[in-house]
Amino acid sequence: MTIASRLAAVALASLLAGGTAFAQTAAPAAKTETKTDAAATADKKAPKERSAESLECSKQADAKGLHGKERKKFRSECIKSAKAGTAAPAADKK
């Protein structure tokens, strides 16, 4: 084989192999948002409704100036007692 025939063979092979790289592809379909997608994203972003017990216990914790773990513990006990139908728990015993 001569150099010219080798170059011709390499050129032909590269054209055949490279042709697929330059082939046009179909444009991606436009993404449309369906009602179910909109409802799902709205549900994720909307805050959950808080119960009356939760709101009242938060107000009591605010009045006592509780923060962090103390507040969480107080609210947990308060909500449990409110759902059970008893009075709110007494002040913190330290």
N, C-alpha and C. Protein backbone atom coordinates (compact mmCIF):
# COMPACT_ATOMS: atom_id res chain seq x y z
N MET A 1 0.83 -1.18 0.00
CA MET A 1 0.00 0.00 0.00
C MET A 1 0.87 1.24 0.00
N THR A 2 0.47 2.19 -0.79
CA THR A 2 1.24 3.42 -0.83
C THR A 2 0.71 4.40 0.20
N ILE A 3 1.47 5.44 0.41
CA ILE A 3 1.09 6.44 1.40
C ILE A 3 -0.22 7.11 0.99
N ALA A 4 -0.42 7.36 -0.27
CA ALA A 4 -1.62 8.03 -0.75
C ALA A 4 -2.85 7.17 -0.50
N SER A 5 -2.75 5.87 -0.72
CA SER A 5 -3.90 4.99 -0.50
C SER A 5 -4.20 4.86 1.00
N ARG A 6 -3.13 4.88 1.83
CA ARG A 6 -3.33 4.83 3.29
C ARG A 6 -4.05 6.09 3.77
N LEU A 7 -3.62 7.25 3.26
CA LEU A 7 -4.27 8.50 3.63
C LEU A 7 -5.72 8.52 3.18
N ALA A 8 -5.98 8.00 2.01
CA ALA A 8 -7.35 7.94 1.51
C ALA A 8 -8.20 7.03 2.39
N ALA A 9 -7.65 5.90 2.81
CA ALA A 9 -8.38 4.96 3.66
C ALA A 9 -8.66 5.58 5.03
N VAL A 10 -7.67 6.29 5.60
CA VAL A 10 -7.86 6.95 6.90
C VAL A 10 -8.90 8.07 6.79
N ALA A 11 -8.86 8.83 5.72
CA ALA A 11 -9.82 9.91 5.52
C ALA A 11 -11.23 9.36 5.40
N LEU A 12 -11.39 8.27 4.63
CA LEU A 12 -12.69 7.65 4.46
C LEU A 12 -13.21 7.10 5.78
N ALA A 13 -12.35 6.46 6.53
CA ALA A 13 -12.75 5.89 7.82
C ALA A 13 -13.16 7.00 8.80
N SER A 14 -12.41 8.11 8.79
CA SER A 14 -12.75 9.19 9.71
C SER A 14 -14.06 9.86 9.33
N LEU A 15 -14.33 9.95 8.02
CA LEU A 15 -15.61 10.52 7.60
C LEU A 15 -16.79 9.64 8.03
N LEU A 16 -16.61 8.34 7.88
CA LEU A 16 -17.68 7.43 8.27
C LEU A 16 -17.89 7.43 9.79
N ALA A 17 -16.82 7.44 10.53
CA ALA A 17 -16.93 7.41 11.99
C ALA A 17 -17.40 8.75 12.55
N GLY A 18 -16.95 9.84 11.93
CA GLY A 18 -17.31 11.17 12.42
C GLY A 18 -18.67 11.64 11.95
N GLY A 19 -19.24 10.97 10.98
CA GLY A 19 -20.54 11.38 10.46
C GLY A 19 -21.64 11.30 11.52
N THR A 20 -21.56 10.33 12.37
CA THR A 20 -22.59 10.20 13.40
C THR A 20 -22.47 11.30 14.45
N ALA A 21 -21.29 11.84 14.66
CA ALA A 21 -21.11 12.90 15.64
C ALA A 21 -21.77 14.19 15.19
N PHE A 22 -21.86 14.40 13.89
CA PHE A 22 -22.45 15.62 13.36
C PHE A 22 -23.91 15.46 12.96
N ALA A 23 -24.47 14.29 13.20
CA ALA A 23 -25.86 14.06 12.84
C ALA A 23 -26.77 14.90 13.73
N GLN A 24 -27.83 15.40 13.13
CA GLN A 24 -28.76 16.22 13.90
C GLN A 24 -29.68 15.33 14.71
N THR A 25 -29.96 15.79 15.92
CA THR A 25 -30.89 15.07 16.76
C THR A 25 -32.17 15.89 16.87
N ALA A 26 -33.23 15.25 17.24
CA ALA A 26 -34.50 15.95 17.39
C ALA A 26 -34.39 16.90 18.58
N ALA A 27 -35.04 18.04 18.45
CA ALA A 27 -35.03 19.01 19.54
C ALA A 27 -35.79 18.43 20.72
N PRO A 28 -35.33 18.69 21.94
CA PRO A 28 -36.04 18.15 23.10
C PRO A 28 -37.43 18.76 23.19
N ALA A 29 -38.37 17.95 23.60
CA ALA A 29 -39.75 18.41 23.70
C ALA A 29 -39.85 19.46 24.79
N ALA A 30 -40.69 20.45 24.57
CA ALA A 30 -40.88 21.50 25.57
C ALA A 30 -41.56 20.89 26.79
N LYS A 31 -41.02 21.20 27.95
CA LYS A 31 -41.57 20.64 29.18
C LYS A 31 -42.79 21.46 29.60
N THR A 32 -43.91 20.79 29.68
CA THR A 32 -45.13 21.47 30.11
C THR A 32 -45.49 20.94 31.49
N GLU A 33 -45.92 21.84 32.32
CA GLU A 33 -46.27 21.46 33.68
C GLU A 33 -47.73 21.05 33.71
N THR A 34 -47.99 19.86 34.21
CA THR A 34 -49.36 19.39 34.30
C THR A 34 -49.96 19.81 35.63
N LYS A 35 -51.24 19.65 35.75
CA LYS A 35 -51.91 20.04 36.99
C LYS A 35 -51.42 19.23 38.17
N THR A 36 -51.12 17.96 37.96
CA THR A 36 -50.64 17.13 39.07
C THR A 36 -49.27 17.59 39.53
N ASP A 37 -48.41 18.03 38.59
CA ASP A 37 -47.10 18.55 38.97
C ASP A 37 -47.25 19.83 39.77
N ALA A 38 -48.16 20.71 39.33
CA ALA A 38 -48.38 21.98 40.02
C ALA A 38 -48.93 21.73 41.42
N ALA A 39 -49.83 20.78 41.55
CA ALA A 39 -50.41 20.48 42.85
C ALA A 39 -49.35 19.88 43.78
N ALA A 40 -48.49 19.04 43.23
CA ALA A 40 -47.46 18.41 44.05
C ALA A 40 -46.46 19.45 44.56
N THR A 41 -46.08 20.39 43.73
CA THR A 41 -45.13 21.41 44.18
C THR A 41 -45.79 22.36 45.16
N ALA A 42 -47.07 22.64 44.98
CA ALA A 42 -47.77 23.53 45.90
C ALA A 42 -47.88 22.87 47.27
N ASP A 43 -48.09 21.54 47.29
CA ASP A 43 -48.19 20.83 48.57
C ASP A 43 -46.87 20.84 49.32
N LYS A 44 -45.77 20.74 48.60
CA LYS A 44 -44.46 20.71 49.25
C LYS A 44 -44.11 22.07 49.84
N LYS A 45 -44.54 23.15 49.19
CA LYS A 45 -44.17 24.48 49.63
C LYS A 45 -45.12 25.03 50.68
N ALA A 46 -46.34 24.55 50.70
CA ALA A 46 -47.32 25.08 51.65
C ALA A 46 -47.04 24.54 53.04
N PRO A 47 -46.99 25.41 54.06
CA PRO A 47 -46.76 24.93 55.41
C PRO A 47 -47.99 24.17 55.92
N LYS A 48 -47.75 23.23 56.78
CA LYS A 48 -48.83 22.45 57.34
C LYS A 48 -49.65 23.32 58.29
N GLU A 49 -50.94 23.05 58.33
CA GLU A 49 -51.80 23.77 59.25
C GLU A 49 -51.49 23.30 60.67
N ARG A 50 -51.38 24.26 61.56
CA ARG A 50 -51.09 23.92 62.96
C ARG A 50 -52.38 23.85 63.73
N SER A 51 -52.45 22.90 64.65
CA SER A 51 -53.66 22.72 65.43
C SER A 51 -53.80 23.83 66.47
N ALA A 52 -54.99 23.95 67.01
CA ALA A 52 -55.24 24.96 68.05
C ALA A 52 -54.37 24.69 69.27
N GLU A 53 -54.19 23.40 69.60
CA GLU A 53 -53.35 23.03 70.75
C GLU A 53 -51.92 23.49 70.53
N SER A 54 -51.41 23.27 69.32
CA SER A 54 -50.04 23.65 69.01
C SER A 54 -49.84 25.15 69.11
N LEU A 55 -50.80 25.91 68.58
CA LEU A 55 -50.70 27.37 68.63
C LEU A 55 -50.74 27.87 70.07
N GLU A 56 -51.64 27.31 70.87
CA GLU A 56 -51.76 27.75 72.26
C GLU A 56 -50.49 27.42 73.04
N CYS A 57 -49.94 26.24 72.83
CA CYS A 57 -48.71 25.85 73.53
C CYS A 57 -47.54 26.73 73.10
N SER A 58 -47.51 27.13 71.82
CA SER A 58 -46.45 28.03 71.36
C SER A 58 -46.57 29.38 72.05
N LYS A 59 -47.80 29.87 72.20
CA LYS A 59 -48.01 31.14 72.88
C LYS A 59 -47.54 31.06 74.34
N GLN A 60 -47.84 29.94 74.99
CA GLN A 60 -47.42 29.77 76.39
C GLN A 60 -45.90 29.70 76.49
N ALA A 61 -45.26 29.02 75.54
CA ALA A 61 -43.80 28.93 75.54
C ALA A 61 -43.18 30.30 75.29
N ASP A 62 -43.81 31.09 74.42
CA ASP A 62 -43.32 32.45 74.17
C ASP A 62 -43.43 33.29 75.44
N ALA A 63 -44.55 33.15 76.15
CA ALA A 63 -44.76 33.93 77.37
C ALA A 63 -43.72 33.58 78.43
N LYS A 64 -43.29 32.35 78.45
CA LYS A 64 -42.30 31.91 79.42
C LYS A 64 -40.87 32.19 78.94
N GLY A 65 -40.73 32.57 77.69
CA GLY A 65 -39.41 32.87 77.14
C GLY A 65 -38.56 31.64 76.91
N LEU A 66 -39.19 30.53 76.59
CA LEU A 66 -38.46 29.27 76.38
C LEU A 66 -37.88 29.21 74.98
N HIS A 67 -36.69 28.62 74.87
CA HIS A 67 -36.02 28.45 73.58
C HIS A 67 -35.34 27.09 73.55
N GLY A 68 -35.10 26.60 72.35
CA GLY A 68 -34.33 25.38 72.16
C GLY A 68 -34.99 24.14 72.72
N LYS A 69 -34.19 23.32 73.39
CA LYS A 69 -34.67 22.03 73.90
C LYS A 69 -35.75 22.21 74.96
N GLU A 70 -35.62 23.25 75.78
CA GLU A 70 -36.63 23.49 76.81
C GLU A 70 -37.98 23.77 76.17
N ARG A 71 -37.98 24.59 75.11
CA ARG A 71 -39.22 24.92 74.42
C ARG A 71 -39.83 23.68 73.79
N LYS A 72 -39.00 22.88 73.13
CA LYS A 72 -39.49 21.68 72.47
C LYS A 72 -40.11 20.72 73.48
N LYS A 73 -39.45 20.55 74.61
CA LYS A 73 -39.95 19.66 75.65
C LYS A 73 -41.28 20.19 76.21
N PHE A 74 -41.32 21.49 76.49
CA PHE A 74 -42.55 22.09 77.02
C PHE A 74 -43.71 21.92 76.05
N ARG A 75 -43.47 22.24 74.77
CA ARG A 75 -44.54 22.14 73.77
C ARG A 75 -45.02 20.71 73.62
N SER A 76 -44.09 19.76 73.65
CA SER A 76 -44.46 18.35 73.52
C SER A 76 -45.39 17.94 74.65
N GLU A 77 -45.01 18.28 75.88
CA GLU A 77 -45.84 17.92 77.04
C GLU A 77 -47.17 18.66 77.01
N CYS A 78 -47.13 19.93 76.61
CA CYS A 78 -48.34 20.74 76.56
C CYS A 78 -49.33 20.19 75.54
N ILE A 79 -48.85 19.83 74.37
CA ILE A 79 -49.74 19.31 73.33
C ILE A 79 -50.32 17.97 73.74
N LYS A 80 -49.51 17.12 74.37
CA LYS A 80 -50.01 15.83 74.83
C LYS A 80 -51.12 16.02 75.85
N SER A 81 -50.89 16.93 76.81
CA SER A 81 -51.90 17.14 77.85
C SER A 81 -53.14 17.81 77.27
N ALA A 82 -52.98 18.70 76.29
CA ALA A 82 -54.13 19.37 75.67
C ALA A 82 -54.97 18.37 74.89
N LYS A 83 -54.34 17.45 74.21
CA LYS A 83 -55.08 16.44 73.46
C LYS A 83 -55.76 15.45 74.39
N ALA A 84 -55.16 15.24 75.55
CA ALA A 84 -55.75 14.33 76.52
C ALA A 84 -56.92 14.99 77.25
N GLY A 85 -57.02 16.33 77.13
CA GLY A 85 -58.13 17.03 77.75
C GLY A 85 -57.82 17.57 79.12
N THR A 86 -56.58 17.54 79.53
CA THR A 86 -56.21 18.07 80.85
C THR A 86 -55.67 19.47 80.68
N ALA A 87 -55.43 20.13 81.79
CA ALA A 87 -54.90 21.49 81.76
C ALA A 87 -53.46 21.47 81.28
N ALA A 88 -52.97 22.64 80.89
CA ALA A 88 -51.58 22.78 80.44
C ALA A 88 -50.65 22.44 81.58
N PRO A 89 -49.46 21.91 81.30
CA PRO A 89 -48.52 21.55 82.36
C PRO A 89 -48.08 22.76 83.16
N ALA A 90 -47.69 22.48 84.39
CA ALA A 90 -47.24 23.55 85.28
C ALA A 90 -45.90 24.10 84.78
N ALA A 91 -45.49 25.19 85.40
CA ALA A 91 -44.21 25.84 85.03
C ALA A 91 -43.07 24.87 85.21
N ASP A 92 -41.96 25.15 84.52
CA ASP A 92 -40.78 24.29 84.61
C ASP A 92 -40.32 24.14 86.04
N LYS A 93 -40.00 22.92 86.38
CA LYS A 93 -39.46 22.64 87.72
C LYS A 93 -37.97 22.45 87.58
N LYS A 94 -37.22 23.38 88.12
CA LYS A 94 -35.76 23.26 88.03
C LYS A 94 -35.16 23.12 89.38
